[in-house]
């Protein structure tokens, strides 16, 4: 078997083993080096225009975990057993004229920022003319889509390290956001909750993976 064939098999085996874990072993903890590798995969993830409209909150407070139980029904198994529990935020009102874009351009890209630069004008036109991002909800939804790219990368990286994970959308978004705001954890003018995720070691068998056939989801346009 060629090296390339072995690599293909290794990749697909990881995807076969990865599944949305419903029960975690609370006695098993992720090593710090492994966790930071998962977070580095998130940090290195791509985003539209490279603007990284996200923030990752690792919840270690038991009080916060307990409080979230009632308003995040889909997270209870993770809150009670996962080694690491994330709340991932998406930025609100991200446009070419926002302070975050100015920060990214100047402090990360290392180039001068101007509201009248070709890049700023191009980005604003893309949002308005190409994607119709003209109100707060559509801008948030677009930013939230970006946050799912690091989610996939985090889960795949975890699987490579033998760590289980689960993406979570089972929560009352308004209640969770209000709670985090009341606790001064997030500024609702800047961020909204995109999703949650649990990481740890499973306390259950991996079920048979069931997916549609490739022919059902894949067409070639010639």
Protein backbone atom coordinates (compact mmCIF):
# COMPACT_ATOMS: atom_id res chain seq x y z
CA UNK A 1 0.00 0.00 0.00
CA UNK A 2 1.33 3.43 -0.92
CA UNK A 3 1.91 6.16 1.63
CA UNK A 4 -0.90 8.17 0.06
CA UNK A 5 -3.33 5.25 0.33
CA UNK A 6 -2.36 4.75 3.97
CA UNK A 7 -2.97 8.44 4.63
CA UNK A 8 -6.40 8.28 2.97
CA UNK A 9 -7.33 5.29 5.12
CA UNK A 10 -6.11 7.02 8.26
CA UNK A 11 -8.18 10.12 7.51
CA UNK A 12 -11.36 8.18 6.83
CA UNK A 13 -10.87 5.95 9.87
CA UNK A 14 -10.80 9.05 12.05
CA UNK A 15 -14.08 10.22 10.56
CA UNK A 16 -15.60 6.78 11.05
CA UNK A 17 -14.70 6.84 14.74
CA UNK A 18 -15.86 10.41 15.38
CA UNK A 19 -19.45 10.74 16.56
CA UNK A 20 -21.60 13.14 18.56
CA UNK A 21 -20.94 11.81 22.06
CA UNK A 22 -23.98 11.78 24.33
CA UNK A 23 -22.30 10.42 27.46
CA UNK A 24 -18.88 11.47 28.74
CA UNK A 25 -16.74 9.90 31.45
CA UNK A 26 -16.37 12.67 34.07
CA UNK A 27 -13.28 11.04 35.55
CA UNK A 28 -11.20 11.47 32.40
CA UNK A 29 -9.65 14.86 31.63
CA UNK A 30 -8.05 16.14 28.45
CA UNK A 31 -4.34 16.90 28.80
CA UNK A 32 -3.56 20.60 28.49
CA UNK A 33 -1.26 19.99 25.52
CA UNK A 34 -4.02 18.15 23.67
CA UNK A 35 -6.58 20.82 24.50
CA UNK A 36 -4.38 23.62 23.26
CA UNK A 37 -3.78 21.67 20.04
CA UNK A 38 -7.56 21.59 19.56
CA UNK A 39 -7.77 25.32 20.23
CA UNK A 40 -4.88 26.02 17.89
CA UNK A 41 -6.83 24.23 15.16
CA UNK A 42 -9.66 26.66 15.87
CA UNK A 43 -7.33 29.66 15.84
CA UNK A 44 -5.82 28.65 12.50
CA UNK A 45 -9.21 28.10 10.85
CA UNK A 46 -10.14 30.17 7.81
CA UNK A 47 -12.88 32.79 7.75
CA UNK A 48 -14.41 35.00 5.10
CA UNK A 49 -11.95 37.80 4.28
CA UNK A 50 -9.86 36.52 7.20
CA UNK A 51 -11.84 38.63 9.68
CA UNK A 52 -12.30 35.86 12.32
CA UNK A 53 -15.70 36.96 13.68
CA UNK A 54 -15.57 34.64 16.71
CA UNK A 55 -14.64 34.15 20.32
CA UNK A 56 -14.29 30.92 22.31
CA UNK A 57 -15.33 30.71 25.97
CA UNK A 58 -14.06 27.73 27.97
CA UNK A 59 -16.44 27.28 30.90
CA UNK A 60 -14.67 26.00 34.01
CA UNK A 61 -16.96 27.59 36.62
CA UNK A 62 -19.19 24.93 38.20
CA UNK A 63 -21.68 27.65 39.14
CA UNK A 64 -22.04 28.72 35.51
CA UNK A 65 -22.37 25.07 34.43
CA UNK A 66 -25.09 24.51 37.03
CA UNK A 67 -26.95 27.65 35.99
CA UNK A 68 -26.86 26.67 32.31
CA UNK A 69 -28.58 23.34 32.98
CA UNK A 70 -32.09 24.80 32.84
CA UNK A 71 -31.63 26.92 29.72
CA UNK A 72 -29.32 24.63 27.72
CA UNK A 73 -31.18 21.31 27.65
CA UNK A 74 -29.02 19.87 24.89
CA UNK A 75 -25.85 20.60 26.85
CA UNK A 76 -26.71 18.78 30.08
CA UNK A 77 -24.73 15.63 29.30
CA UNK A 78 -21.68 17.72 28.44
CA UNK A 79 -22.10 20.03 31.40
CA UNK A 80 -22.22 16.99 33.68
CA UNK A 81 -19.44 14.92 32.17
CA UNK A 82 -17.34 16.53 29.46
CA UNK A 83 -13.77 17.42 30.31
CA UNK A 84 -14.02 20.76 28.49
CA UNK A 85 -17.15 22.76 27.68
CA UNK A 86 -17.10 25.59 25.11
CA UNK A 87 -19.51 28.38 24.32
CA UNK A 88 -18.67 29.89 20.96
CA UNK A 89 -19.68 33.44 20.11
CA UNK A 90 -20.19 35.23 16.81
CA UNK A 91 -19.67 38.94 16.39
CA UNK A 92 -22.61 41.24 15.74
CA UNK A 93 -22.78 43.98 13.10
CA UNK A 94 -19.47 43.08 11.48
CA UNK A 95 -19.03 45.42 8.51
CA UNK A 96 -16.07 47.01 6.80
CA UNK A 97 -16.49 50.03 9.09
CA UNK A 98 -16.61 48.11 12.38
CA UNK A 99 -13.93 48.41 15.04
CA UNK A 100 -13.16 44.69 14.81
CA UNK A 101 -12.34 44.92 11.11
CA UNK A 102 -10.14 47.93 11.82
CA UNK A 103 -8.36 45.86 14.49
CA UNK A 104 -7.88 42.92 12.14
CA UNK A 105 -6.53 45.07 9.32
CA UNK A 106 -4.13 47.09 11.46
CA UNK A 107 -3.11 44.73 14.27
CA UNK A 108 -3.30 41.34 12.55
CA UNK A 109 -2.78 42.00 8.83
CA UNK A 110 -0.35 44.80 9.58
CA UNK A 111 -1.57 47.28 6.99
CA UNK A 112 -3.16 50.73 7.30
CA UNK A 113 -6.93 50.86 7.66
CA UNK A 114 -9.21 53.33 5.94
CA UNK A 115 -12.99 53.42 5.54
CA UNK A 116 -12.40 54.53 1.96
CA UNK A 117 -9.78 51.94 1.05
CA UNK A 118 -10.52 49.58 -1.86
CA UNK A 119 -10.57 46.62 0.55
CA UNK A 120 -13.14 48.22 2.88
CA UNK A 121 -15.35 49.32 -0.01
CA UNK A 122 -15.10 45.87 -1.63
CA UNK A 123 -16.06 44.11 1.61
CA UNK A 124 -19.03 46.42 2.23
CA UNK A 125 -20.24 45.92 -1.34
CA UNK A 126 -19.84 42.14 -1.00
CA UNK A 127 -21.98 42.10 2.11
CA UNK A 128 -24.69 44.37 0.73
CA UNK A 129 -24.82 43.47 -2.97
CA UNK A 130 -23.71 39.83 -3.12
CA UNK A 131 -25.07 38.38 0.14
CA UNK A 132 -27.77 40.89 1.07
CA UNK A 133 -26.37 41.42 4.57
CA UNK A 134 -28.22 44.60 5.38
CA UNK A 135 -29.57 44.15 8.92
CA UNK A 136 -28.37 42.98 12.32
CA UNK A 137 -29.88 39.48 12.03
CA UNK A 138 -28.43 38.71 8.61
CA UNK A 139 -25.02 40.03 9.65
CA UNK A 140 -25.06 37.86 12.77
CA UNK A 141 -26.17 34.78 10.83
CA UNK A 142 -23.32 35.31 8.36
CA UNK A 143 -20.78 35.68 11.17
CA UNK A 144 -22.23 32.64 12.91
CA UNK A 145 -21.71 30.56 9.77
CA UNK A 146 -18.03 31.40 9.96
CA UNK A 147 -17.79 30.00 13.49
CA UNK A 148 -18.80 26.53 12.29
CA UNK A 149 -15.55 26.22 10.33
CA UNK A 150 -13.41 26.06 13.49
CA UNK A 151 -16.02 23.76 15.04
CA UNK A 152 -15.41 21.16 12.35
CA UNK A 153 -11.67 21.58 12.67
CA UNK A 154 -11.79 21.26 16.46
CA UNK A 155 -13.86 18.07 16.32
CA UNK A 156 -11.64 16.48 13.69
CA UNK A 157 -8.48 17.42 15.56
CA UNK A 158 -9.97 15.99 18.74
CA UNK A 159 -10.80 12.74 16.94
CA UNK A 160 -7.21 12.45 15.72
CA UNK A 161 -6.11 12.76 19.36
CA UNK A 162 -8.56 10.11 20.52
CA UNK A 163 -10.82 12.72 22.12
CA UNK A 164 -14.59 12.71 21.72
CA UNK A 165 -16.81 15.71 21.10
CA UNK A 166 -20.35 16.89 20.49
CA UNK A 167 -21.67 20.07 18.84
CA UNK A 168 -24.63 21.59 20.68
CA UNK A 169 -27.48 23.80 19.49
CA UNK A 170 -29.94 22.61 22.13
CA UNK A 171 -30.34 25.78 24.17
CA UNK A 172 -32.55 28.83 24.49
CA UNK A 173 -30.41 31.40 22.72
CA UNK A 174 -32.02 34.47 24.25
CA UNK A 175 -31.95 33.04 27.79
CA UNK A 176 -28.31 31.95 27.50
CA UNK A 177 -27.23 35.30 26.09
CA UNK A 178 -29.09 37.21 28.79
CA UNK A 179 -27.54 35.03 31.48
CA UNK A 180 -24.02 35.53 30.14
CA UNK A 181 -24.66 39.25 29.88
CA UNK A 182 -25.98 39.47 33.45
CA UNK A 183 -22.82 37.70 34.63
CA UNK A 184 -20.71 40.23 32.67
CA UNK A 185 -19.29 37.40 30.58
CA UNK A 186 -20.30 38.84 27.22
CA UNK A 187 -21.28 42.23 25.81
CA UNK A 188 -24.51 41.74 23.85
CA UNK A 189 -23.69 44.76 21.71
CA UNK A 190 -20.67 42.88 20.39
CA UNK A 191 -21.48 39.16 20.56
CA UNK A 192 -24.21 36.56 20.36
CA UNK A 193 -24.03 32.84 21.09
CA UNK A 194 -23.48 30.70 18.02
CA UNK A 195 -23.23 27.19 19.51
CA UNK A 196 -21.80 25.14 22.37
CA UNK A 197 -19.55 22.09 22.28
CA UNK A 198 -18.41 19.41 24.69
CA UNK A 199 -15.05 17.62 24.56
CA UNK A 200 -13.86 14.66 26.59
CA UNK A 201 -13.85 10.87 26.62
CA UNK A 202 -16.93 8.83 25.84
CA UNK A 203 -18.70 6.57 28.30
CA UNK A 204 -20.61 4.71 25.59
CA UNK A 205 -20.02 2.52 22.59
CA UNK A 206 -19.65 4.11 19.16
CA UNK A 207 -22.87 3.39 17.25
CA UNK A 208 -22.90 2.38 13.62
CA UNK A 209 -22.46 5.46 11.47
CA UNK A 210 -25.41 5.98 9.17
CA UNK A 211 -25.18 8.42 6.29
CA UNK A 212 -26.71 8.92 2.87
CA UNK A 213 -24.99 7.24 -0.06
CA UNK A 214 -22.46 9.33 -1.97
CA UNK A 215 -24.72 9.13 -5.02
CA UNK A 216 -27.48 10.88 -3.04
CA UNK A 217 -25.39 13.91 -2.16
CA UNK A 218 -22.76 14.26 -4.86
CA UNK A 219 -23.21 15.27 -8.52
CA UNK A 220 -20.63 16.24 -11.09
CA UNK A 221 -21.47 19.11 -13.43
CA UNK A 222 -19.78 18.60 -16.79
